[in-house]
C-alpha atoms as a PDB file:
ATOM      1  CA  MET A   1      53.424   6.601 -48.799  1.00  0.00           C
ATOM      2  CA  ASN A   2      54.681   9.514 -48.475  1.00  0.00           C
ATOM      3  CA  GLU A   3      57.812  10.885 -46.369  1.00  0.00           C
ATOM      4  CA  ARG A   4      55.896  12.199 -43.509  1.00  0.00           C
ATOM      5  CA  THR A   5      53.413   9.344 -42.961  1.00  0.00           C
ATOM      6  CA  ALA A   6      56.756   7.342 -43.221  1.00  0.00           C
ATOM      7  CA  LEU A   7      58.418   9.156 -40.289  1.00  0.00           C
ATOM      8  CA  PHE A   8      55.154   9.380 -38.193  1.00  0.00           C
ATOM      9  CA  ILE A   9      54.764   5.576 -38.645  1.00  0.00           C
ATOM     10  CA  GLU A  10      58.551   5.182 -37.404  1.00  0.00           C
ATOM     11  CA  GLU A  11      57.907   7.696 -34.666  1.00  0.00           C
ATOM     12  CA  MET A  12      54.890   5.690 -33.400  1.00  0.00           C
ATOM     13  CA  GLY A  13      57.154   2.577 -33.146  1.00  0.00           C
ATOM     14  CA  LEU A  14      55.392   0.825 -35.983  1.00  0.00           C
ATOM     15  CA  GLY A  15      58.099  -0.239 -38.141  1.00  0.00           C
ATOM     16  CA  PRO A  16      59.651  -1.354 -39.683  1.00  0.00           C
ATOM     17  CA  VAL A  17      57.230  -0.804 -42.849  1.00  0.00           C
ATOM     18  CA  TRP A  18      56.956  -2.963 -45.727  1.00  0.00           C
ATOM     19  CA  LEU A  19      56.160  -1.790 -49.047  1.00  0.00           C
ATOM     20  CA  ARG A  20      54.634  -3.816 -51.638  1.00  0.00           C
ATOM     21  CA  ARG A  21      56.955  -2.768 -54.726  1.00  0.00           C
ATOM     22  CA  ASP A  22      55.659  -3.701 -58.580  1.00  0.00           C
ATOM     23  CA  ALA A  23      57.529  -5.887 -61.028  1.00  0.00           C
ATOM     24  CA  SER A  24      59.840  -2.650 -62.030  1.00  0.00           C
ATOM     25  CA  GLY A  25      60.832  -2.180 -58.285  1.00  0.00           C
ATOM     26  CA  GLU A  26      58.505   0.463 -57.617  1.00  0.00           C
ATOM     27  CA  SER A  27      56.996   0.732 -54.027  1.00  0.00           C
ATOM     28  CA  VAL A  28      52.684   0.796 -54.931  1.00  0.00           C
ATOM     29  CA  GLY A  29      51.202   0.572 -51.602  1.00  0.00           C
ATOM     30  CA  LEU A  30      51.621   0.234 -47.757  1.00  0.00           C
ATOM     31  CA  GLN A  31      51.684  -3.199 -45.832  1.00  0.00           C
ATOM     32  CA  PRO A  32      51.027  -4.292 -42.457  1.00  0.00           C
ATOM     33  CA  ALA A  33      54.016  -2.964 -40.020  1.00  0.00           C
ATOM     34  CA  VAL A  34      53.991  -5.995 -37.699  1.00  0.00           C
ATOM     35  CA  ALA A  35      54.088  -9.438 -38.948  1.00  0.00           C
ATOM     36  CA  PRO A  36      50.909 -11.165 -37.214  1.00  0.00           C
ATOM     37  CA  GLU A  37      53.040 -13.616 -35.343  1.00  0.00           C
ATOM     38  CA  GLU A  38      54.707 -10.536 -33.786  1.00  0.00           C
ATOM     39  CA  ALA A  39      52.176  -8.334 -33.075  1.00  0.00           C
ATOM     40  CA  ILE A  40      50.533 -11.851 -30.964  1.00  0.00           C
ATOM     41  CA  ALA A  41      53.879 -12.112 -29.391  1.00  0.00           C
ATOM     42  CA  ASP A  42      53.974  -8.320 -28.401  1.00  0.00           C
ATOM     43  CA  ALA A  43      50.622  -8.194 -27.237  1.00  0.00           C
ATOM     44  CA  ALA A  44      50.146  -7.857 -23.187  1.00  0.00           C
ATOM     45  CA  PRO A  45      49.112 -10.617 -22.173  1.00  0.00           C
ATOM     46  CA  LEU A  46      45.290 -10.371 -20.421  1.00  0.00           C
ATOM     47  CA  ALA A  47      44.864  -9.773 -16.911  1.00  0.00           C
ATOM     48  CA  PRO A  48      42.894 -12.113 -14.896  1.00  0.00           C
ATOM     49  CA  SER A  49      39.687 -11.643 -14.780  1.00  0.00           C
ATOM     50  CA  ALA A  50      38.574 -10.938 -10.774  1.00  0.00           C
ATOM     51  CA  PRO A  51      35.352 -13.391  -9.729  1.00  0.00           C
ATOM     52  CA  PRO A  52      32.627 -12.390  -9.132  1.00  0.00           C
ATOM     53  CA  ALA A  53      31.484 -10.715  -5.895  1.00  0.00           C
ATOM     54  CA  PRO A  54      28.654 -12.726  -4.033  1.00  0.00           C
ATOM     55  CA  LEU A  55      25.414 -12.087  -4.025  1.00  0.00           C
ATOM     56  CA  VAL A  56      23.820 -10.715  -0.673  1.00  0.00           C
ATOM     57  CA  ALA A  57      21.780 -14.028  -0.324  1.00  0.00           C
ATOM     58  CA  GLU A  58      25.085 -16.129  -0.779  1.00  0.00           C
ATOM     59  CA  MET A  59      27.305 -14.541   1.884  1.00  0.00           C
ATOM     60  CA  ASP A  60      28.464 -16.380   4.906  1.00  0.00           C
ATOM     61  CA  TRP A  61      29.015 -14.047   7.939  1.00  0.00           C
ATOM     62  CA  THR A  62      32.729 -12.824   7.107  1.00  0.00           C
ATOM     63  CA  ALA A  63      31.560 -11.310   3.956  1.00  0.00           C
ATOM     64  CA  LEU A  64      28.092 -10.057   4.749  1.00  0.00           C
ATOM     65  CA  LYS A  65      29.700  -7.938   7.397  1.00  0.00           C
ATOM     66  CA  ALA A  66      32.418  -6.434   5.105  1.00  0.00           C
ATOM     67  CA  SER A  67      30.186  -5.692   3.094  1.00  0.00           C
ATOM     68  CA  VAL A  68      27.801  -3.637   5.499  1.00  0.00           C
ATOM     69  CA  ALA A  69      31.001  -1.677   6.315  1.00  0.00           C
ATOM     70  CA  GLY A  70      31.612  -0.525   2.980  1.00  0.00           C
ATOM     71  CA  CYS A  71      28.026  -0.474   2.012  1.00  0.00           C
ATOM     72  CA  VAL A  72      27.167   3.182  -0.177  1.00  0.00           C
ATOM     73  CA  LYS A  73      23.998   1.410  -1.269  1.00  0.00           C
ATOM     74  CA  CYS A  74      22.015   5.005   0.287  1.00  0.00           C
ATOM     75  CA  GLY A  75      23.055   8.366   1.416  1.00  0.00           C
ATOM     76  CA  LEU A  76      22.911   7.411   5.142  1.00  0.00           C
ATOM     77  CA  CYS A  77      26.527   6.400   4.615  1.00  0.00           C
ATOM     78  CA  GLN A  78      27.741   9.730   4.269  1.00  0.00           C
ATOM     79  CA  GLY A  79      26.806  10.823   7.732  1.00  0.00           C
ATOM     80  CA  ARG A  80      27.713   7.778   9.619  1.00  0.00           C
ATOM     81  CA  THR A  81      30.304   6.877  12.014  1.00  0.00           C
ATOM     82  CA  HIS A  82      30.285   3.248  12.448  1.00  0.00           C
ATOM     83  CA  THR A  83      27.825   0.826  10.350  1.00  0.00           C
ATOM     84  CA  VAL A  84      25.881  -1.436  13.067  1.00  0.00           C
ATOM     85  CA  PHE A  85      25.810  -4.641  11.929  1.00  0.00           C
ATOM     86  CA  GLY A  86      24.278  -6.301  14.844  1.00  0.00           C
ATOM     87  CA  VAL A  87      24.989  -8.045  18.032  1.00  0.00           C
ATOM     88  CA  GLY A  88      24.225 -11.852  19.593  1.00  0.00           C
ATOM     89  CA  ASP A  89      24.082 -15.244  19.221  1.00  0.00           C
ATOM     90  CA  GLU A  90      24.362 -15.881  15.874  1.00  0.00           C
ATOM     91  CA  LYS A  91      22.576 -19.368  16.329  1.00  0.00           C
ATOM     92  CA  ALA A  92      19.944 -17.732  18.164  1.00  0.00           C
ATOM     93  CA  LYS A  93      16.221 -18.645  18.625  1.00  0.00           C
ATOM     94  CA  TRP A  94      15.351 -15.325  19.077  1.00  0.00           C
ATOM     95  CA  LEU A  95      16.007 -12.283  16.556  1.00  0.00           C
ATOM     96  CA  PHE A  96      14.976  -8.982  17.556  1.00  0.00           C
ATOM     97  CA  ILE A  97      14.453  -6.292  14.726  1.00  0.00           C
ATOM     98  CA  GLY A  98      14.525  -2.593  15.401  1.00  0.00           C
ATOM     99  CA  GLU A  99      14.464  -0.208  13.145  1.00  0.00           C
ATOM    100  CA  GLY A 100      18.226   2.021  12.909  1.00  0.00           C
ATOM    101  CA  PRO A 101      21.024   2.903  14.647  1.00  0.00           C
ATOM    102  CA  GLY A 102      20.324   6.724  16.880  1.00  0.00           C
ATOM    103  CA  ARG A 103      23.260   8.891  18.048  1.00  0.00           C
ATOM    104  CA  ASN A 104      24.577   6.223  20.600  1.00  0.00           C
ATOM    105  CA  GLU A 105      24.825   3.280  18.433  1.00  0.00           C
ATOM    106  CA  ASP A 106      26.216   5.296  15.848  1.00  0.00           C
ATOM    107  CA  LEU A 107      28.968   6.033  18.072  1.00  0.00           C
ATOM    108  CA  GLN A 108      29.709   2.530  19.373  1.00  0.00           C
ATOM    109  CA  GLY A 109      28.759   0.436  16.885  1.00  0.00           C
ATOM    110  CA  GLU A 110      26.173  -1.643  18.268  1.00  0.00           C
ATOM    111  CA  PRO A 111      22.503  -1.790  18.246  1.00  0.00           C
ATOM    112  CA  PHE A 112      20.264  -0.610  21.309  1.00  0.00           C
ATOM    113  CA  VAL A 113      22.169   1.069  23.458  1.00  0.00           C
ATOM    114  CA  GLY A 114      21.901   4.193  26.102  1.00  0.00           C
ATOM    115  CA  GLN A 115      18.570   4.291  27.872  1.00  0.00           C
ATOM    116  CA  ALA A 116      16.241   2.171  24.820  1.00  0.00           C
ATOM    117  CA  GLY A 117      18.952  -0.490  25.330  1.00  0.00           C
ATOM    118  CA  LYS A 118      18.862  -0.471  29.170  1.00  0.00           C
ATOM    119  CA  LEU A 119      15.014  -0.991  28.620  1.00  0.00           C
ATOM    120  CA  LEU A 120      15.430  -4.063  26.120  1.00  0.00           C
ATOM    121  CA  ASP A 121      17.691  -6.086  28.309  1.00  0.00           C
ATOM    122  CA  ASN A 122      14.714  -5.643  30.697  1.00  0.00           C
ATOM    123  CA  MET A 123      12.602  -6.754  28.195  1.00  0.00           C
ATOM    124  CA  LEU A 124      14.940  -9.810  27.298  1.00  0.00           C
ATOM    125  CA  ALA A 125      15.473 -10.355  30.967  1.00  0.00           C
ATOM    126  CA  ALA A 126      11.572 -10.890  31.755  1.00  0.00           C
ATOM    127  CA  ILE A 127      11.075 -13.677  29.386  1.00  0.00           C
ATOM    128  CA  GLY A 128      14.207 -15.249  30.552  1.00  0.00           C
ATOM    129  CA  LEU A 129      17.092 -13.839  27.635  1.00  0.00           C
ATOM    130  CA  ARG A 130      20.146 -12.009  27.972  1.00  0.00           C
ATOM    131  CA  ARG A 131      21.590 -10.109  25.363  1.00  0.00           C
ATOM    132  CA  GLY A 132      24.257 -12.292  23.390  1.00  0.00           C
ATOM    133  CA  GLU A 133      22.498 -15.450  24.849  1.00  0.00           C
ATOM    134  CA  ASN A 134      19.707 -17.338  22.517  1.00  0.00           C
ATOM    135  CA  ALA A 135      18.889 -13.411  20.759  1.00  0.00           C
ATOM    136  CA  TYR A 136      20.514 -11.398  18.305  1.00  0.00           C
ATOM    137  CA  ILE A 137      19.713  -7.912  18.159  1.00  0.00           C
ATOM    138  CA  ALA A 138      19.037  -6.281  14.541  1.00  0.00           C
ATOM    139  CA  ASN A 139      18.284  -3.295  12.559  1.00  0.00           C
ATOM    140  CA  VAL A 140      16.422  -2.408   9.415  1.00  0.00           C
ATOM    141  CA  VAL A 141      18.996  -0.159   8.585  1.00  0.00           C
ATOM    142  CA  LYS A 142      22.427  -0.285   9.375  1.00  0.00           C
ATOM    143  CA  CYS A 143      23.541   3.332   9.414  1.00  0.00           C
ATOM    144  CA  ARG A 144      22.118   6.253  11.166  1.00  0.00           C
ATOM    145  CA  PRO A 145      18.862   8.332   9.909  1.00  0.00           C
ATOM    146  CA  THR A 146      19.187  11.878  10.689  1.00  0.00           C
ATOM    147  CA  ASP A 147      17.343  14.796   9.712  1.00  0.00           C
ATOM    148  CA  ASP A 148      18.335  18.197   8.862  1.00  0.00           C
ATOM    149  CA  SER A 149      19.130  19.422  11.856  1.00  0.00           C
ATOM    150  CA  GLY A 150      20.716  16.083  12.963  1.00  0.00           C
ATOM    151  CA  ARG A 151      18.275  14.627  14.879  1.00  0.00           C
ATOM    152  CA  ASP A 152      17.387  10.828  15.189  1.00  0.00           C
ATOM    153  CA  ARG A 153      14.837  10.073  12.211  1.00  0.00           C
ATOM    154  CA  PRO A 154      12.749   6.670  10.943  1.00  0.00           C
ATOM    155  CA  PRO A 155      14.375   5.404   8.144  1.00  0.00           C
ATOM    156  CA  ALA A 156      12.994   6.479   4.610  1.00  0.00           C
ATOM    157  CA  PRO A 157      11.192   3.549   2.578  1.00  0.00           C
ATOM    158  CA  ASP A 158      14.077   3.577  -0.058  1.00  0.00           C
ATOM    159  CA  GLU A 159      16.870   3.775   2.753  1.00  0.00           C
ATOM    160  CA  ALA A 160      15.097   0.678   4.116  1.00  0.00           C
ATOM    161  CA  ALA A 161      14.696  -0.734   0.788  1.00  0.00           C
ATOM    162  CA  ALA A 162      18.338  -0.699   0.626  1.00  0.00           C
ATOM    163  CA  CYS A 163      19.812  -2.316   3.539  1.00  0.00           C
ATOM    164  CA  LEU A 164      16.768  -5.501   3.839  1.00  0.00           C
ATOM    165  CA  PRO A 165      18.771  -7.810   1.958  1.00  0.00           C
ATOM    166  CA  TYR A 166      21.701  -7.277   4.705  1.00  0.00           C
ATOM    167  CA  LEU A 167      18.969  -8.350   7.379  1.00  0.00           C
ATOM    168  CA  GLU A 168      17.225 -10.884   5.132  1.00  0.00           C
ATOM    169  CA  ARG A 169      20.674 -12.864   4.955  1.00  0.00           C
ATOM    170  CA  GLN A 170      21.095 -12.594   8.585  1.00  0.00           C
ATOM    171  CA  ILE A 171      17.739 -13.988   9.571  1.00  0.00           C
ATOM    172  CA  ALA A 172      18.752 -16.559   6.721  1.00  0.00           C
ATOM    173  CA  LEU A 173      22.131 -17.450   8.525  1.00  0.00           C
ATOM    174  CA  ILE A 174      20.529 -17.299  12.009  1.00  0.00           C
ATOM    175  CA  ARG A 175      17.277 -19.186  11.189  1.00  0.00           C
ATOM    176  CA  PRO A 176      15.327 -18.073  14.429  1.00  0.00           C
ATOM    177  CA  THR A 177      12.298 -19.438  16.002  1.00  0.00           C
ATOM    178  CA  VAL A 178      10.714 -16.356  16.229  1.00  0.00           C
ATOM    179  CA  LEU A 179      10.946 -12.899  15.546  1.00  0.00           C
ATOM    180  CA  VAL A 180      10.064  -9.984  17.647  1.00  0.00           C
ATOM    181  CA  ALA A 181       9.661  -6.733  15.438  1.00  0.00           C
ATOM    182  CA  LEU A 182      10.556  -3.784  17.252  1.00  0.00           C
ATOM    183  CA  GLY A 183       8.498  -0.589  16.450  1.00  0.00           C
ATOM    184  CA  LYS A 184       6.648   0.363  13.099  1.00  0.00           C
ATOM    185  CA  THR A 185       9.352   0.400  10.575  1.00  0.00           C
ATOM    186  CA  ALA A 186      10.700  -2.995  11.683  1.00  0.00           C
ATOM    187  CA  ALA A 187       6.920  -4.207  10.846  1.00  0.00           C
ATOM    188  CA  LEU A 188       5.824  -2.597   7.811  1.00  0.00           C
ATOM    189  CA  SER A 189       9.521  -3.072   6.233  1.00  0.00           C
ATOM    190  CA  LEU A 190       9.214  -6.935   6.645  1.00  0.00           C
ATOM    191  CA  LEU A 191       5.519  -7.542   6.613  1.00  0.00           C
ATOM    192  CA  GLY A 192       5.822  -5.090   3.455  1.00  0.00           C
ATOM    193  CA  LEU A 193       3.003  -3.875   4.419  1.00  0.00           C
ATOM    194  CA  ASP A 194       1.588   0.205   3.619  1.00  0.00           C
ATOM    195  CA  PRO A 195       3.584   2.866   5.885  1.00  0.00           C
ATOM    196  CA  ASP A 196       0.437   3.946   7.086  1.00  0.00           C
ATOM    197  CA  THR A 197      -0.764   0.949   9.166  1.00  0.00           C
ATOM    198  CA  PRO A 198      -0.397   1.861  12.520  1.00  0.00           C
ATOM    199  CA  VAL A 199       1.252  -0.714  15.243  1.00  0.00           C
ATOM    200  CA  SER A 200      -1.679  -1.106  16.955  1.00  0.00           C
ATOM    201  CA  ARG A 201      -3.614  -2.764  14.012  1.00  0.00           C
ATOM    202  CA  LEU A 202      -0.799  -5.479  13.905  1.00  0.00           C
ATOM    203  CA  ARG A 203      -0.226  -6.278  17.536  1.00  0.00           C
ATOM    204  CA  GLY A 204      -1.925  -9.618  19.407  1.00  0.00           C
ATOM    205  CA  LYS A 205      -1.162 -11.578  16.724  1.00  0.00           C
ATOM    206  CA  VAL A 206       1.020 -14.051  15.076  1.00  0.00           C
ATOM    207  CA  HIS A 207       2.550 -12.696  11.503  1.00  0.00           C
ATOM    208  CA  ARG A 208       4.543 -14.824   9.117  1.00  0.00           C
ATOM    209  CA  TYR A 209       7.490 -14.029   7.640  1.00  0.00           C
ATOM    210  CA  ALA A 210       8.827 -16.054   5.137  1.00  0.00           C
ATOM    211  CA  GLY A 211       7.817 -19.097   7.185  1.00  0.00           C
ATOM    212  CA  LEU A 212       8.919 -17.525  10.367  1.00  0.00           C
ATOM    213  CA  PRO A 213       6.137 -16.483  13.232  1.00  0.00           C
ATOM    214  CA  LEU A 214       6.774 -12.960  13.668  1.00  0.00           C
ATOM    215  CA  ILE A 215       5.594 -10.743  16.959  1.00  0.00           C
ATOM    216  CA  VAL A 216       4.881  -6.922  16.661  1.00  0.00           C
ATOM    217  CA  THR A 217       5.416  -4.344  19.624  1.00  0.00           C
ATOM    218  CA  TYR A 218       6.514  -1.449  20.093  1.00  0.00           C
ATOM    219  CA  HIS A 219       9.723   0.021  19.952  1.00  0.00           C
ATOM    220  CA  PRO A 220      11.741   0.682  23.348  1.00  0.00           C
ATOM    221  CA  ALA A 221      12.579   4.442  21.819  1.00  0.00           C
ATOM    222  CA  TYR A 222       8.312   4.664  22.022  1.00  0.00           C
ATOM    223  CA  LEU A 223       7.742   3.197  25.580  1.00  0.00           C
ATOM    224  CA  LEU A 224      10.339   5.767  27.189  1.00  0.00           C
ATOM    225  CA  ARG A 225       7.992   8.231  25.989  1.00  0.00           C
ATOM    226  CA  ASN A 226       4.738   6.592  26.237  1.00  0.00           C
ATOM    227  CA  LEU A 227       5.182   4.292  29.690  1.00  0.00           C
ATOM    228  CA  PRO A 228       1.260   2.989  29.718  1.00  0.00           C
ATOM    229  CA  GLU A 229       1.955   1.652  26.867  1.00  0.00           C
ATOM    230  CA  LYS A 230       4.821  -0.857  28.642  1.00  0.00           C
ATOM    231  CA  ARG A 231       1.598  -3.183  29.652  1.00  0.00           C
ATOM    232  CA  LYS A 232       1.375  -3.663  25.706  1.00  0.00           C
ATOM    233  CA  ALA A 233       4.573  -4.549  25.334  1.00  0.00           C
ATOM    234  CA  TRP A 234       4.280  -7.291  28.238  1.00  0.00           C
ATOM    235  CA  GLU A 235       1.566  -8.293  26.749  1.00  0.00           C
ATOM    236  CA  ASP A 236       3.314  -8.939  23.132  1.00  0.00           C
ATOM    237  CA  LEU A 237       6.055 -10.592  24.787  1.00  0.00           C
ATOM    238  CA  CYS A 238       3.759 -12.719  26.441  1.00  0.00           C
ATOM    239  CA  LEU A 239       2.416 -14.001  22.943  1.00  0.00           C
ATOM    240  CA  ALA A 240       5.854 -14.519  21.783  1.00  0.00           C
ATOM    241  CA  THR A 241       6.597 -17.496  24.227  1.00  0.00           C
ATOM    242  CA  ALA A 242       3.748 -19.122  23.696  1.00  0.00           C
ATOM    243  CA  THR A 243       4.401 -18.509  20.117  1.00  0.00           C
ATOM    244  CA  TYR A 244       8.170 -19.837  20.805  1.00  0.00           C
ATOM    245  CA  ALA A 245       6.877 -22.634  23.014  1.00  0.00           C
ATOM    246  CA  ALA A 246       4.570 -24.241  20.583  1.00  0.00           C
ATOM    247  CA  ALA A 247       7.286 -23.757  17.876  1.00  0.00           C
ATOM    248  CA  ASP A 248       9.850 -25.372  19.471  1.00  0.00           C
END
C-alpha cells in the first residue's frame, strides 16, 4: 500500500491500518482496517420500522377522517379549500349519497349546503327524517371538482374511482338499511354502470349494492333546475320508504 492510500484511509477514519507481514517483516498486503467485532459495535443502531398504514377497508372513523383530510390521490386535492367527509348519524339507517362538493360545500366542509342542501333537507323532512338523526349524507368524491373556468362539474370517472374506497368504508361502518343515490354520478359509481346510462332508466326499481337496497333519484341541484321532476323524486322517496319498511 502506498503512502497516498494510507493517508486517504486515515482521513476517512478507517485506521488503524492492519498490514500482513511476511517472515522478513515486510508488509505485503492490506488487512481489514477494523476488526469485525469493532465494526459491529460502531455500527449505528437500526431505526425501528414504522408500522404499516392501515388499509382504507380496515380504518375506523378516526383514521378514515384523517386519511380523507390528507388525501392526494387525484388532482382534485390541488384546488380544495376543505375536504367534505360527510355528516350525520354514524349509525344511521338511511344513507344519502351525492356526487361531490360544490362551492359552498368546499368553503364550509359540509355536504349539501346552500339551496340544494335546503331542498334535500325538505326531502328528508317529507319522509320523517332530519339531517343528523337516523340519516347520514355523503358524496362519492370528497373534494370539489371544477372546470377550467372554476365552475362546478361532475367528477371524472378516475376521480370517482380514486375516492370510492372512502365511501365504501363509510357504508361498511354505518351499515345502513337503505341507500339513496342522488343523481347520476352516485348511481353509476355504486352500481358500476356505463357512464351513458341515464337516471331515468334507473329510477322506479330497487337496486342492490353490497347486499343493501339502493334507490336512485335525481340530485337536488338538478331538481332546482327542473321543478316538474320533483314529482318523480317524491315517487322515488316513497319507494325508498316502502323498501326501508320491508327491510327493517
